[in-house]
């Protein structure tokens, strides 16, 4: 081996722990990012499916009569004005 190769090998051996830590950290970050992206895709598919289901579901219409409320409020205003 030439002296340059020997020096490179020694330098690599000296920094092996830091290099392995860096590689391990990069693998963990890549896996974590993959899990986050997969979870986002699953949530998006679920939300889209739920929205599609809700759109296809028949709507129920409810009518509300406010006559009783109007009568009550008009009764309150006439009672207040009569007491003054």
N, C-alpha and C. Protein backbone atom coordinates (compact mmCIF):
# COMPACT_ATOMS: atom_id res chain seq x y z
N UNK A 1 0.84 -1.18 0.00
CA UNK A 1 0.00 0.00 0.00
C UNK A 1 0.88 1.24 0.00
N UNK A 2 0.37 2.24 -0.66
CA UNK A 2 1.12 3.49 -0.66
C UNK A 2 0.87 4.23 0.66
N UNK A 3 1.71 5.18 0.92
CA UNK A 3 1.60 5.92 2.18
C UNK A 3 0.29 6.68 2.25
N UNK A 4 -0.20 7.18 1.13
CA UNK A 4 -1.46 7.93 1.11
C UNK A 4 -2.62 7.02 1.50
N UNK A 5 -2.63 5.79 1.01
CA UNK A 5 -3.70 4.85 1.35
C UNK A 5 -3.63 4.49 2.84
N UNK A 6 -2.44 4.31 3.34
CA UNK A 6 -2.28 3.99 4.76
C UNK A 6 -2.78 5.14 5.63
N UNK A 7 -2.44 6.36 5.25
CA UNK A 7 -2.89 7.53 6.01
C UNK A 7 -4.42 7.66 5.96
N UNK A 8 -4.99 7.41 4.79
CA UNK A 8 -6.45 7.48 4.64
C UNK A 8 -7.12 6.42 5.51
N UNK A 9 -6.57 5.21 5.53
CA UNK A 9 -7.12 4.13 6.34
C UNK A 9 -7.05 4.48 7.82
N UNK A 10 -5.94 5.02 8.27
CA UNK A 10 -5.79 5.40 9.67
C UNK A 10 -6.78 6.50 10.05
N UNK A 11 -6.94 7.46 9.16
CA UNK A 11 -7.88 8.56 9.41
C UNK A 11 -9.31 8.02 9.47
N UNK A 12 -9.64 7.11 8.56
CA UNK A 12 -10.98 6.53 8.55
C UNK A 12 -11.21 5.71 9.82
N UNK A 13 -10.22 4.97 10.24
CA UNK A 13 -10.33 4.16 11.45
C UNK A 13 -10.49 5.05 12.69
N UNK A 14 -9.80 6.18 12.70
CA UNK A 14 -9.89 7.10 13.82
C UNK A 14 -11.28 7.73 13.92
N UNK A 15 -11.90 8.00 12.79
CA UNK A 15 -13.21 8.67 12.76
C UNK A 15 -14.37 7.69 12.57
N UNK A 16 -14.13 6.41 12.74
CA UNK A 16 -15.15 5.39 12.47
C UNK A 16 -16.36 5.54 13.39
N UNK A 17 -16.17 5.83 14.67
CA UNK A 17 -17.29 5.96 15.60
C UNK A 17 -18.20 7.11 15.21
N UNK A 18 -17.60 8.26 14.90
CA UNK A 18 -18.41 9.41 14.50
C UNK A 18 -19.14 9.13 13.19
N UNK A 19 -18.46 8.46 12.26
CA UNK A 19 -19.08 8.15 10.98
C UNK A 19 -20.25 7.19 11.18
N UNK A 20 -20.08 6.19 12.02
CA UNK A 20 -21.16 5.23 12.27
C UNK A 20 -22.33 5.89 12.98
N UNK A 21 -22.06 6.81 13.94
CA UNK A 21 -23.13 7.54 14.60
C UNK A 21 -23.93 8.37 13.59
N UNK A 22 -23.20 9.03 12.70
CA UNK A 22 -23.85 9.86 11.69
C UNK A 22 -24.72 9.01 10.76
N UNK A 23 -24.21 7.87 10.34
CA UNK A 23 -24.98 6.99 9.47
C UNK A 23 -26.22 6.45 10.19
N UNK A 24 -26.06 6.08 11.46
CA UNK A 24 -27.19 5.57 12.23
C UNK A 24 -28.26 6.66 12.40
N UNK A 25 -27.82 7.89 12.69
CA UNK A 25 -28.75 9.00 12.83
C UNK A 25 -29.50 9.25 11.52
N UNK A 26 -28.79 9.18 10.41
CA UNK A 26 -29.44 9.39 9.11
C UNK A 26 -30.46 8.29 8.82
N UNK A 27 -30.14 7.04 9.18
CA UNK A 27 -31.09 5.94 8.97
C UNK A 27 -32.35 6.14 9.82
N UNK A 28 -32.16 6.54 11.08
CA UNK A 28 -33.30 6.75 11.98
C UNK A 28 -34.17 7.90 11.46
N UNK A 29 -33.54 8.98 11.03
CA UNK A 29 -34.30 10.11 10.48
C UNK A 29 -35.06 9.71 9.23
N UNK A 30 -34.44 8.92 8.36
CA UNK A 30 -35.11 8.49 7.13
C UNK A 30 -36.30 7.61 7.46
N UNK A 31 -36.14 6.69 8.41
CA UNK A 31 -37.27 5.83 8.79
C UNK A 31 -38.39 6.64 9.42
N UNK A 32 -38.03 7.57 10.28
CA UNK A 32 -39.05 8.40 10.94
C UNK A 32 -39.81 9.23 9.91
N UNK A 33 -39.08 9.80 8.99
CA UNK A 33 -39.73 10.58 7.94
C UNK A 33 -40.65 9.70 7.10
N UNK A 34 -40.22 8.49 6.82
CA UNK A 34 -41.07 7.55 6.07
C UNK A 34 -42.34 7.23 6.81
N UNK A 35 -42.24 7.03 8.13
CA UNK A 35 -43.43 6.73 8.93
C UNK A 35 -44.38 7.92 8.95
N UNK A 36 -43.84 9.11 9.08
CA UNK A 36 -44.68 10.32 9.10
C UNK A 36 -45.40 10.49 7.76
N UNK A 37 -44.67 10.30 6.68
CA UNK A 37 -45.28 10.43 5.35
C UNK A 37 -46.35 9.36 5.14
N UNK A 38 -46.07 8.13 5.55
CA UNK A 38 -47.05 7.05 5.41
C UNK A 38 -48.31 7.35 6.23
N UNK A 39 -48.13 7.87 7.44
CA UNK A 39 -49.28 8.21 8.29
C UNK A 39 -50.10 9.33 7.65
N UNK A 40 -49.41 10.31 7.07
CA UNK A 40 -50.13 11.41 6.41
C UNK A 40 -50.93 10.90 5.21
N UNK A 41 -50.36 10.00 4.46
CA UNK A 41 -51.07 9.45 3.29
C UNK A 41 -52.28 8.64 3.75
N UNK A 42 -52.13 7.84 4.80
CA UNK A 42 -53.25 7.04 5.30
C UNK A 42 -54.36 7.96 5.82
N UNK A 43 -54.00 9.00 6.56
CA UNK A 43 -55.00 9.95 7.06
C UNK A 43 -55.70 10.66 5.93
N UNK A 44 -54.95 11.05 4.91
CA UNK A 44 -55.54 11.74 3.77
C UNK A 44 -56.52 10.83 3.04
N UNK A 45 -56.14 9.57 2.86
CA UNK A 45 -57.04 8.63 2.19
C UNK A 45 -58.29 8.41 3.02
N UNK A 46 -58.14 8.28 4.32
CA UNK A 46 -59.29 8.10 5.19
C UNK A 46 -60.22 9.30 5.18
N UNK A 47 -59.65 10.49 5.24
CA UNK A 47 -60.46 11.71 5.21
C UNK A 47 -61.18 11.85 3.88
N UNK A 48 -60.49 11.55 2.78
CA UNK A 48 -61.12 11.64 1.46
C UNK A 48 -62.26 10.63 1.33
N UNK A 49 -62.03 9.43 1.82
CA UNK A 49 -63.08 8.41 1.77
C UNK A 49 -64.28 8.82 2.61
N UNK A 50 -64.03 9.36 3.78
CA UNK A 50 -65.12 9.81 4.64
C UNK A 50 -65.89 10.95 4.00
N UNK A 51 -65.18 11.90 3.39
CA UNK A 51 -65.85 13.01 2.72
C UNK A 51 -66.70 12.51 1.56
N UNK A 52 -66.16 11.56 0.80
CA UNK A 52 -66.90 10.99 -0.33
C UNK A 52 -68.16 10.29 0.18
N UNK A 53 -68.03 9.55 1.27
CA UNK A 53 -69.18 8.86 1.86
C UNK A 53 -70.24 9.86 2.32
N UNK A 54 -69.81 10.95 2.96
CA UNK A 54 -70.76 11.94 3.45
C UNK A 54 -71.48 12.64 2.30
N UNK A 55 -70.77 12.86 1.18
CA UNK A 55 -71.41 13.51 0.03
C UNK A 55 -72.48 12.61 -0.57
N UNK A 56 -72.26 11.31 -0.60
CA UNK A 56 -73.20 10.37 -1.22
C UNK A 56 -74.37 10.04 -0.30
N UNK A 57 -74.24 10.31 0.99
CA UNK A 57 -75.30 10.02 1.94
C UNK A 57 -76.46 10.99 1.70
N UNK A 58 -77.70 10.49 1.70
CA UNK A 58 -78.82 11.40 1.48
C UNK A 58 -78.95 12.40 2.63
N UNK A 59 -79.24 13.64 2.26
CA UNK A 59 -79.38 14.69 3.27
C UNK A 59 -80.78 14.68 3.84
N UNK A 60 -80.86 14.97 5.11
CA UNK A 60 -82.17 15.12 5.75
C UNK A 60 -82.39 16.60 5.99
N UNK A 61 -83.54 17.06 5.59
CA UNK A 61 -83.87 18.47 5.78
C UNK A 61 -84.81 18.60 6.97
N UNK A 62 -84.53 19.55 7.81
CA UNK A 62 -85.34 19.80 8.99
C UNK A 62 -85.84 21.23 8.93
N UNK A 63 -87.14 21.37 9.10
CA UNK A 63 -87.73 22.70 9.12
C UNK A 63 -88.04 23.07 10.56
N UNK A 64 -87.76 24.28 10.90
CA UNK A 64 -87.94 24.74 12.27
C UNK A 64 -88.91 25.91 12.26
N UNK A 65 -89.91 25.81 13.06
CA UNK A 65 -90.89 26.88 13.17
C UNK A 65 -90.50 27.77 14.35
N UNK A 66 -90.39 29.05 14.11
CA UNK A 66 -90.03 29.98 15.17
C UNK A 66 -91.26 30.75 15.66
N UNK A 67 -92.43 30.25 15.35
CA UNK A 67 -93.65 30.95 15.76
C UNK A 67 -93.76 31.02 17.28
N UNK A 68 -93.48 29.93 17.96
CA UNK A 68 -93.59 29.91 19.42
C UNK A 68 -92.59 30.89 20.03
N UNK A 69 -91.41 30.95 19.50
CA UNK A 69 -90.41 31.88 20.00
C UNK A 69 -90.83 33.32 19.75
N UNK A 70 -91.37 33.58 18.57
CA UNK A 70 -91.85 34.94 18.26
C UNK A 70 -92.98 35.35 19.20
N UNK A 71 -93.92 34.44 19.43
CA UNK A 71 -95.02 34.74 20.35
C UNK A 71 -94.50 35.02 21.76
N UNK A 72 -93.54 34.24 22.21
CA UNK A 72 -92.97 34.43 23.54
C UNK A 72 -92.28 35.79 23.64
N UNK A 73 -91.47 36.13 22.63
CA UNK A 73 -90.76 37.40 22.66
C UNK A 73 -91.72 38.58 22.56
N UNK A 74 -92.75 38.46 21.75
CA UNK A 74 -93.71 39.56 21.66
C UNK A 74 -94.47 39.71 22.97
N UNK A 75 -94.73 38.60 23.64
CA UNK A 75 -95.38 38.63 24.95
C UNK A 75 -94.49 39.31 25.98
N UNK A 76 -93.21 39.10 25.90
CA UNK A 76 -92.28 39.75 26.83
C UNK A 76 -92.24 41.25 26.62
N UNK A 77 -92.21 41.69 25.38
CA UNK A 77 -92.12 43.12 25.13
C UNK A 77 -93.41 43.83 25.52
N UNK A 78 -94.55 43.18 25.34
CA UNK A 78 -95.81 43.83 25.73
C UNK A 78 -95.95 43.85 27.25
N UNK A 79 -95.45 42.84 27.92
CA UNK A 79 -95.51 42.81 29.39
C UNK A 79 -94.58 43.88 29.95
N UNK A 80 -93.41 44.06 29.39
CA UNK A 80 -92.47 45.05 29.86
C UNK A 80 -93.03 46.46 29.66
N UNK A 81 -93.62 46.72 28.52
CA UNK A 81 -94.13 48.04 28.27
C UNK A 81 -95.38 48.33 29.10
N UNK A 82 -96.16 47.29 29.45
CA UNK A 82 -97.35 47.48 30.26
C UNK A 82 -96.99 47.74 31.72
N UNK A 83 -95.90 47.19 32.21
CA UNK A 83 -95.51 47.37 33.59
C UNK A 83 -94.90 48.75 33.84
N UNK A 84 -94.42 49.41 32.80
CA UNK A 84 -93.83 50.73 32.97
C UNK A 84 -94.88 51.75 33.01
